[in-house]
């Protein structure tokens, strides 16, 4: 990952038409090639922030720079050649009869030749493991498959930055991990920059490199998962909890006096820390 900001967001304030403030004092950057999370409870402002980053909302005080250019001065085509938003509900995004037609729509509108459109669409479907379903009706896909088609539609247009609103919402546990593994593969193998808005704290430590906690439209805390999840009081204040494994170890350490040196975030880290503690007790 290069330490280069693809998106630089500085929002002084954004309010809805009725005067309700939705975002305020937001300052974050999205670096090239990273997997970044925006973590917050329902109503925290995550979706609004993604729409600002994607150029869908423009009437805010502040700035959003895409590769150094103000998104409000860029045409939709200039924005969507680089960045795109996947909505929480894929049915709000899909409209064509078949998978291939839907994925082809974006590059067609960008003016590519028929052969280039087909090549881009099939390549994008391959990247999301959907190449065998190109002719399948959208209505016959599972919820998770429809989300993959939405992602493929953005990849076919050449998007280098994916903004995803609750990409695991509505999926069963296996579907959640398949989706996260897909995003991780796109990030690590294809170099796609990924920004994911979510309230699923248990997925964050496994996949994300950096995250911002959003509460009432403001950033409450930011850093690596290890930095953010060492403050359970902050998590409670923003109506979130620690990852389950971190919560267990934190309570054992602070309530039961078990001598853990750190609070692990994953099962593997917890196992190593527990074994280390047991070895010290028997030494």
Protein backbone atom coordinates (compact mmCIF):
# COMPACT_ATOMS: atom_id res chain seq x y z
CA UNK A 1 0.00 0.00 0.00
CA UNK A 2 1.28 3.44 -0.95
CA UNK A 3 0.91 6.27 1.54
CA UNK A 4 -0.99 8.34 -1.00
CA UNK A 5 -4.47 9.78 -0.36
CA UNK A 6 -6.89 8.92 -3.14
CA UNK A 7 -9.73 10.57 -1.22
CA UNK A 8 -9.26 13.43 1.24
CA UNK A 9 -12.45 14.31 3.11
CA UNK A 10 -12.83 17.45 5.20
CA UNK A 11 -16.45 18.25 6.04
CA UNK A 12 -17.10 21.20 8.31
CA UNK A 13 -20.84 20.62 8.32
CA UNK A 14 -23.60 19.05 6.26
CA UNK A 15 -27.24 19.47 7.24
CA UNK A 16 -30.45 17.99 5.86
CA UNK A 17 -33.09 20.22 4.30
CA UNK A 18 -34.93 20.47 7.62
CA UNK A 19 -31.82 21.88 9.29
CA UNK A 20 -30.78 18.70 11.11
CA UNK A 21 -27.00 18.40 11.14
CA UNK A 22 -25.95 15.06 9.62
CA UNK A 23 -22.16 15.42 9.51
CA UNK A 24 -19.71 17.71 11.27
CA UNK A 25 -15.97 18.08 11.77
CA UNK A 26 -15.18 15.09 9.55
CA UNK A 27 -11.53 14.71 8.56
CA UNK A 28 -10.36 11.47 7.00
CA UNK A 29 -8.22 10.27 4.15
CA UNK A 30 -8.41 7.10 2.10
CA UNK A 31 -4.97 5.93 1.04
CA UNK A 32 -4.20 4.08 -2.14
CA UNK A 33 -4.60 0.33 -1.77
CA UNK A 34 -5.95 0.23 1.77
CA UNK A 35 -8.98 -1.51 3.27
CA UNK A 36 -10.61 1.11 5.46
CA UNK A 37 -13.68 0.85 7.64
CA UNK A 38 -16.26 3.37 8.81
CA UNK A 39 -17.80 1.81 11.89
CA UNK A 40 -20.96 3.10 13.51
CA UNK A 41 -24.39 2.18 14.78
CA UNK A 42 -27.54 2.73 12.73
CA UNK A 43 -28.19 6.43 12.25
CA UNK A 44 -24.57 7.45 12.88
CA UNK A 45 -24.17 9.02 9.43
CA UNK A 46 -22.29 6.26 7.60
CA UNK A 47 -24.45 6.20 4.47
CA UNK A 48 -24.51 9.99 4.25
CA UNK A 49 -20.73 10.12 4.49
CA UNK A 50 -20.34 7.56 1.69
CA UNK A 51 -22.67 9.59 -0.53
CA UNK A 52 -20.57 12.68 0.13
CA UNK A 53 -17.42 10.76 -0.77
CA UNK A 54 -19.04 9.49 -3.98
CA UNK A 55 -20.13 12.96 -5.09
CA UNK A 56 -23.85 12.22 -4.72
CA UNK A 57 -24.20 14.89 -2.00
CA UNK A 58 -22.59 18.22 -2.79
CA UNK A 59 -24.23 20.89 -0.61
CA UNK A 60 -21.85 20.69 2.35
CA UNK A 61 -19.33 23.08 3.80
CA UNK A 62 -15.84 21.69 3.33
CA UNK A 63 -14.14 19.68 0.62
CA UNK A 64 -13.77 16.19 -0.81
CA UNK A 65 -10.74 15.71 -3.02
CA UNK A 66 -10.42 12.78 -5.42
CA UNK A 67 -6.77 12.47 -6.44
CA UNK A 68 -6.39 16.13 -5.53
CA UNK A 69 -9.44 17.41 -7.45
CA UNK A 70 -12.62 18.71 -5.81
CA UNK A 71 -15.38 16.21 -6.61
CA UNK A 72 -17.88 19.07 -6.92
CA UNK A 73 -15.94 20.32 -9.93
CA UNK A 74 -15.68 16.92 -11.60
CA UNK A 75 -18.24 15.49 -14.01
CA UNK A 76 -20.07 12.29 -13.03
CA UNK A 77 -18.07 10.46 -15.70
CA UNK A 78 -14.77 11.68 -14.20
CA UNK A 79 -15.85 10.54 -10.73
CA UNK A 80 -17.28 7.18 -11.76
CA UNK A 81 -14.20 6.33 -13.79
CA UNK A 82 -12.42 5.99 -10.43
CA UNK A 83 -14.87 5.54 -7.56
CA UNK A 84 -18.28 3.99 -7.05
CA UNK A 85 -20.76 3.23 -4.29
CA UNK A 86 -22.45 -0.12 -3.63
CA UNK A 87 -25.73 0.44 -1.78
CA UNK A 88 -26.81 -1.68 1.15
CA UNK A 89 -29.77 -3.07 -0.80
CA UNK A 90 -28.60 -4.37 -4.22
CA UNK A 91 -32.14 -4.15 -5.58
CA UNK A 92 -31.77 -0.35 -5.55
CA UNK A 93 -28.87 -0.71 -7.98
CA UNK A 94 -29.77 -3.57 -10.31
CA UNK A 95 -32.30 -3.12 -13.12
CA UNK A 96 -31.31 -5.11 -16.24
CA UNK A 97 -32.89 -8.50 -17.00
CA UNK A 98 -29.66 -10.53 -16.88
CA UNK A 99 -26.35 -10.42 -15.03
CA UNK A 100 -24.25 -9.65 -18.11
CA UNK A 101 -26.59 -6.88 -19.28
CA UNK A 102 -26.49 -5.20 -15.89
CA UNK A 103 -22.71 -5.33 -15.57
CA UNK A 104 -22.34 -4.10 -19.17
CA UNK A 105 -24.52 -1.01 -18.64
CA UNK A 106 -21.83 1.15 -17.00
CA UNK A 107 -19.05 0.65 -19.55
CA UNK A 108 -21.58 1.07 -22.38
CA UNK A 109 -22.49 4.51 -21.04
CA UNK A 110 -18.81 5.37 -20.79
CA UNK A 111 -18.56 4.99 -24.56
CA UNK A 112 -16.50 1.81 -24.90
CA UNK A 113 -16.85 -0.36 -28.00
CA UNK A 114 -19.07 -3.45 -27.85
CA UNK A 115 -16.06 -5.77 -27.71
CA UNK A 116 -14.46 -3.70 -24.93
CA UNK A 117 -17.73 -3.63 -22.98
CA UNK A 118 -18.06 -7.40 -23.17
CA UNK A 119 -14.43 -7.95 -22.18
CA UNK A 120 -14.78 -5.59 -19.22
CA UNK A 121 -18.04 -7.16 -18.06
CA UNK A 122 -16.79 -10.74 -18.27
CA UNK A 123 -13.52 -9.83 -16.54
CA UNK A 124 -15.43 -8.09 -13.73
CA UNK A 125 -17.71 -11.10 -13.27
CA UNK A 126 -14.66 -13.34 -13.07
CA UNK A 127 -13.20 -11.11 -10.35
CA UNK A 128 -16.32 -11.58 -8.18
CA UNK A 129 -16.62 -15.34 -8.95
CA UNK A 130 -19.79 -14.89 -11.01
CA UNK A 131 -18.53 -15.64 -14.52
CA UNK A 132 -20.68 -18.80 -14.79
CA UNK A 133 -23.88 -16.84 -14.18
CA UNK A 134 -23.54 -14.19 -16.91
CA UNK A 135 -26.80 -15.19 -18.65
CA UNK A 136 -28.79 -15.77 -15.46
CA UNK A 137 -31.79 -13.60 -14.62
CA UNK A 138 -31.13 -11.03 -11.87
CA UNK A 139 -34.36 -12.12 -10.16
CA UNK A 140 -33.09 -15.70 -9.81
CA UNK A 141 -29.96 -14.72 -7.88
CA UNK A 142 -29.49 -14.97 -4.14
CA UNK A 143 -29.13 -11.77 -2.10
CA UNK A 144 -25.37 -12.29 -1.82
CA UNK A 145 -25.03 -12.95 -5.55
CA UNK A 146 -26.89 -9.73 -6.34
CA UNK A 147 -24.42 -7.83 -4.16
CA UNK A 148 -21.57 -9.37 -6.13
CA UNK A 149 -23.15 -8.27 -9.38
CA UNK A 150 -23.31 -4.70 -8.04
CA UNK A 151 -19.59 -4.84 -7.29
CA UNK A 152 -18.89 -6.29 -10.74
CA UNK A 153 -20.78 -3.41 -12.33
CA UNK A 154 -18.40 -0.94 -10.71
CA UNK A 155 -15.29 -2.96 -11.53
CA UNK A 156 -16.38 -3.13 -15.20
CA UNK A 157 -16.25 0.67 -15.34
CA UNK A 158 -12.68 0.59 -14.10
CA UNK A 159 -13.35 1.70 -10.55
CA UNK A 160 -10.21 1.69 -8.43
CA UNK A 161 -12.04 2.74 -5.24
CA UNK A 162 -15.08 0.86 -3.94
CA UNK A 163 -17.35 2.42 -1.32
CA UNK A 164 -19.61 -0.19 0.24
CA UNK A 165 -22.57 0.46 2.52
CA UNK A 166 -23.05 -2.49 4.90
CA UNK A 167 -21.89 -5.10 2.33
CA UNK A 168 -22.58 -8.02 4.70
CA UNK A 169 -26.09 -6.88 5.75
CA UNK A 170 -28.74 -9.49 5.02
CA UNK A 171 -26.21 -12.31 4.58
CA UNK A 172 -25.91 -15.44 6.70
CA UNK A 173 -22.59 -16.06 8.52
CA UNK A 174 -21.09 -18.00 5.61
CA UNK A 175 -22.26 -15.34 3.19
CA UNK A 176 -20.63 -12.67 5.36
CA UNK A 177 -17.24 -14.34 5.21
CA UNK A 178 -17.53 -15.03 1.49
CA UNK A 179 -18.24 -11.37 0.89
CA UNK A 180 -15.38 -10.24 3.12
CA UNK A 181 -12.99 -12.70 1.51
CA UNK A 182 -14.04 -11.39 -1.91
CA UNK A 183 -13.34 -7.79 -0.86
CA UNK A 184 -10.01 -8.80 0.67
CA UNK A 185 -9.05 -10.60 -2.55
CA UNK A 186 -9.94 -7.54 -4.65
CA UNK A 187 -7.93 -5.38 -2.27
CA UNK A 188 -4.82 -7.53 -1.97
CA UNK A 189 -4.63 -9.14 -5.40
CA UNK A 190 -6.18 -6.46 -7.62
CA UNK A 191 -5.07 -3.39 -5.69
CA UNK A 192 -8.63 -2.08 -5.33
CA UNK A 193 -8.99 0.50 -2.57
CA UNK A 194 -11.94 -0.48 -0.36
CA UNK A 195 -13.96 1.67 2.04
CA UNK A 196 -16.58 -0.26 3.98
CA UNK A 197 -19.27 1.21 6.21
CA UNK A 198 -20.49 -1.32 8.77
CA UNK A 199 -21.73 -1.87 12.29
CA UNK A 200 -20.37 -5.44 12.42
CA UNK A 201 -17.53 -5.13 14.93
CA UNK A 202 -16.59 -8.81 14.78
CA UNK A 203 -15.58 -8.61 11.10
CA UNK A 204 -13.39 -5.54 11.48
CA UNK A 205 -10.29 -7.05 13.17
CA UNK A 206 -10.05 -9.82 10.59
CA UNK A 207 -9.97 -7.69 7.47
CA UNK A 208 -9.61 -3.94 7.95
CA UNK A 209 -6.32 -2.08 8.19
CA UNK A 210 -7.71 1.16 9.59
CA UNK A 211 -11.07 2.40 10.81
CA UNK A 212 -13.00 5.45 11.86
CA UNK A 213 -15.72 5.30 14.52
CA UNK A 214 -18.64 7.50 13.51
CA UNK A 215 -21.20 8.69 16.07
CA UNK A 216 -23.90 11.32 15.55
CA UNK A 217 -22.20 12.40 12.36
CA UNK A 218 -18.79 12.97 13.92
CA UNK A 219 -15.62 10.91 14.19
CA UNK A 220 -15.31 9.67 17.76
CA UNK A 221 -12.11 7.67 17.35
CA UNK A 222 -9.79 6.43 14.60
CA UNK A 223 -6.75 4.21 14.13
CA UNK A 224 -5.91 0.56 13.63
CA UNK A 225 -8.33 -2.01 15.06
CA UNK A 226 -5.86 -2.60 17.92
CA UNK A 227 -5.83 1.10 18.76
CA UNK A 228 -9.58 1.61 18.51
CA UNK A 229 -10.71 -1.47 20.41
CA UNK A 230 -8.62 -0.76 23.50
CA UNK A 231 -11.25 1.76 24.60
CA UNK A 232 -14.44 -0.12 25.62
CA UNK A 233 -15.87 3.03 27.20
CA UNK A 234 -15.71 4.82 23.85
CA UNK A 235 -17.42 1.90 22.17
CA UNK A 236 -20.26 1.97 24.71
CA UNK A 237 -20.67 5.71 24.25
CA UNK A 238 -21.19 5.26 20.51
CA UNK A 239 -23.60 2.33 21.02
CA UNK A 240 -21.16 -0.32 19.85
CA UNK A 241 -19.38 -3.15 21.63
CA UNK A 242 -15.96 -4.70 21.48
CA UNK A 243 -15.48 -7.73 19.22
CA UNK A 244 -16.65 -10.78 21.17
CA UNK A 245 -13.16 -12.19 21.69
CA UNK A 246 -11.80 -8.83 22.83
CA UNK A 247 -14.72 -8.41 25.22
CA UNK A 248 -14.00 -11.79 26.84
CA UNK A 249 -10.30 -11.14 27.31
CA UNK A 250 -10.88 -7.58 28.51
CA UNK A 251 -13.22 -8.83 31.25
CA UNK A 252 -10.87 -11.63 32.27
CA UNK A 253 -8.06 -9.10 32.55
CA UNK A 254 -9.83 -6.23 34.30
CA UNK A 255 -12.52 -8.05 36.30
CA UNK A 256 -10.88 -11.39 37.10
CA UNK A 257 -7.24 -10.34 37.31
CA UNK A 258 -5.93 -12.70 34.62
CA UNK A 259 -2.49 -11.47 33.56
CA UNK A 260 -2.99 -10.79 29.87
CA UNK A 261 -0.43 -8.41 28.39
CA UNK A 262 -2.76 -7.23 25.64
CA UNK A 263 -6.34 -7.56 24.47
CA UNK A 264 -6.40 -9.77 21.36
CA UNK A 265 -9.02 -9.21 18.68
CA UNK A 266 -9.19 -12.61 16.95
CA UNK A 267 -9.50 -16.22 18.06
CA UNK A 268 -5.93 -16.98 16.97
CA UNK A 269 -4.51 -14.06 18.96
CA UNK A 270 -6.62 -14.98 21.98
CA UNK A 271 -5.47 -18.59 21.85
CA UNK A 272 -1.81 -17.55 21.85
CA UNK A 273 -2.34 -15.11 24.71
CA UNK A 274 -4.22 -17.67 26.82
CA UNK A 275 -1.54 -20.32 26.23
CA UNK A 276 1.18 -17.83 27.16
CA UNK A 277 -0.65 -16.98 30.39
CA UNK A 278 -1.11 -20.65 31.27
CA UNK A 279 2.57 -21.38 30.61
CA UNK A 280 3.59 -18.56 32.93
CA UNK A 281 1.35 -19.88 35.70
CA UNK A 282 2.85 -23.36 35.44
CA UNK A 283 6.43 -22.19 35.09
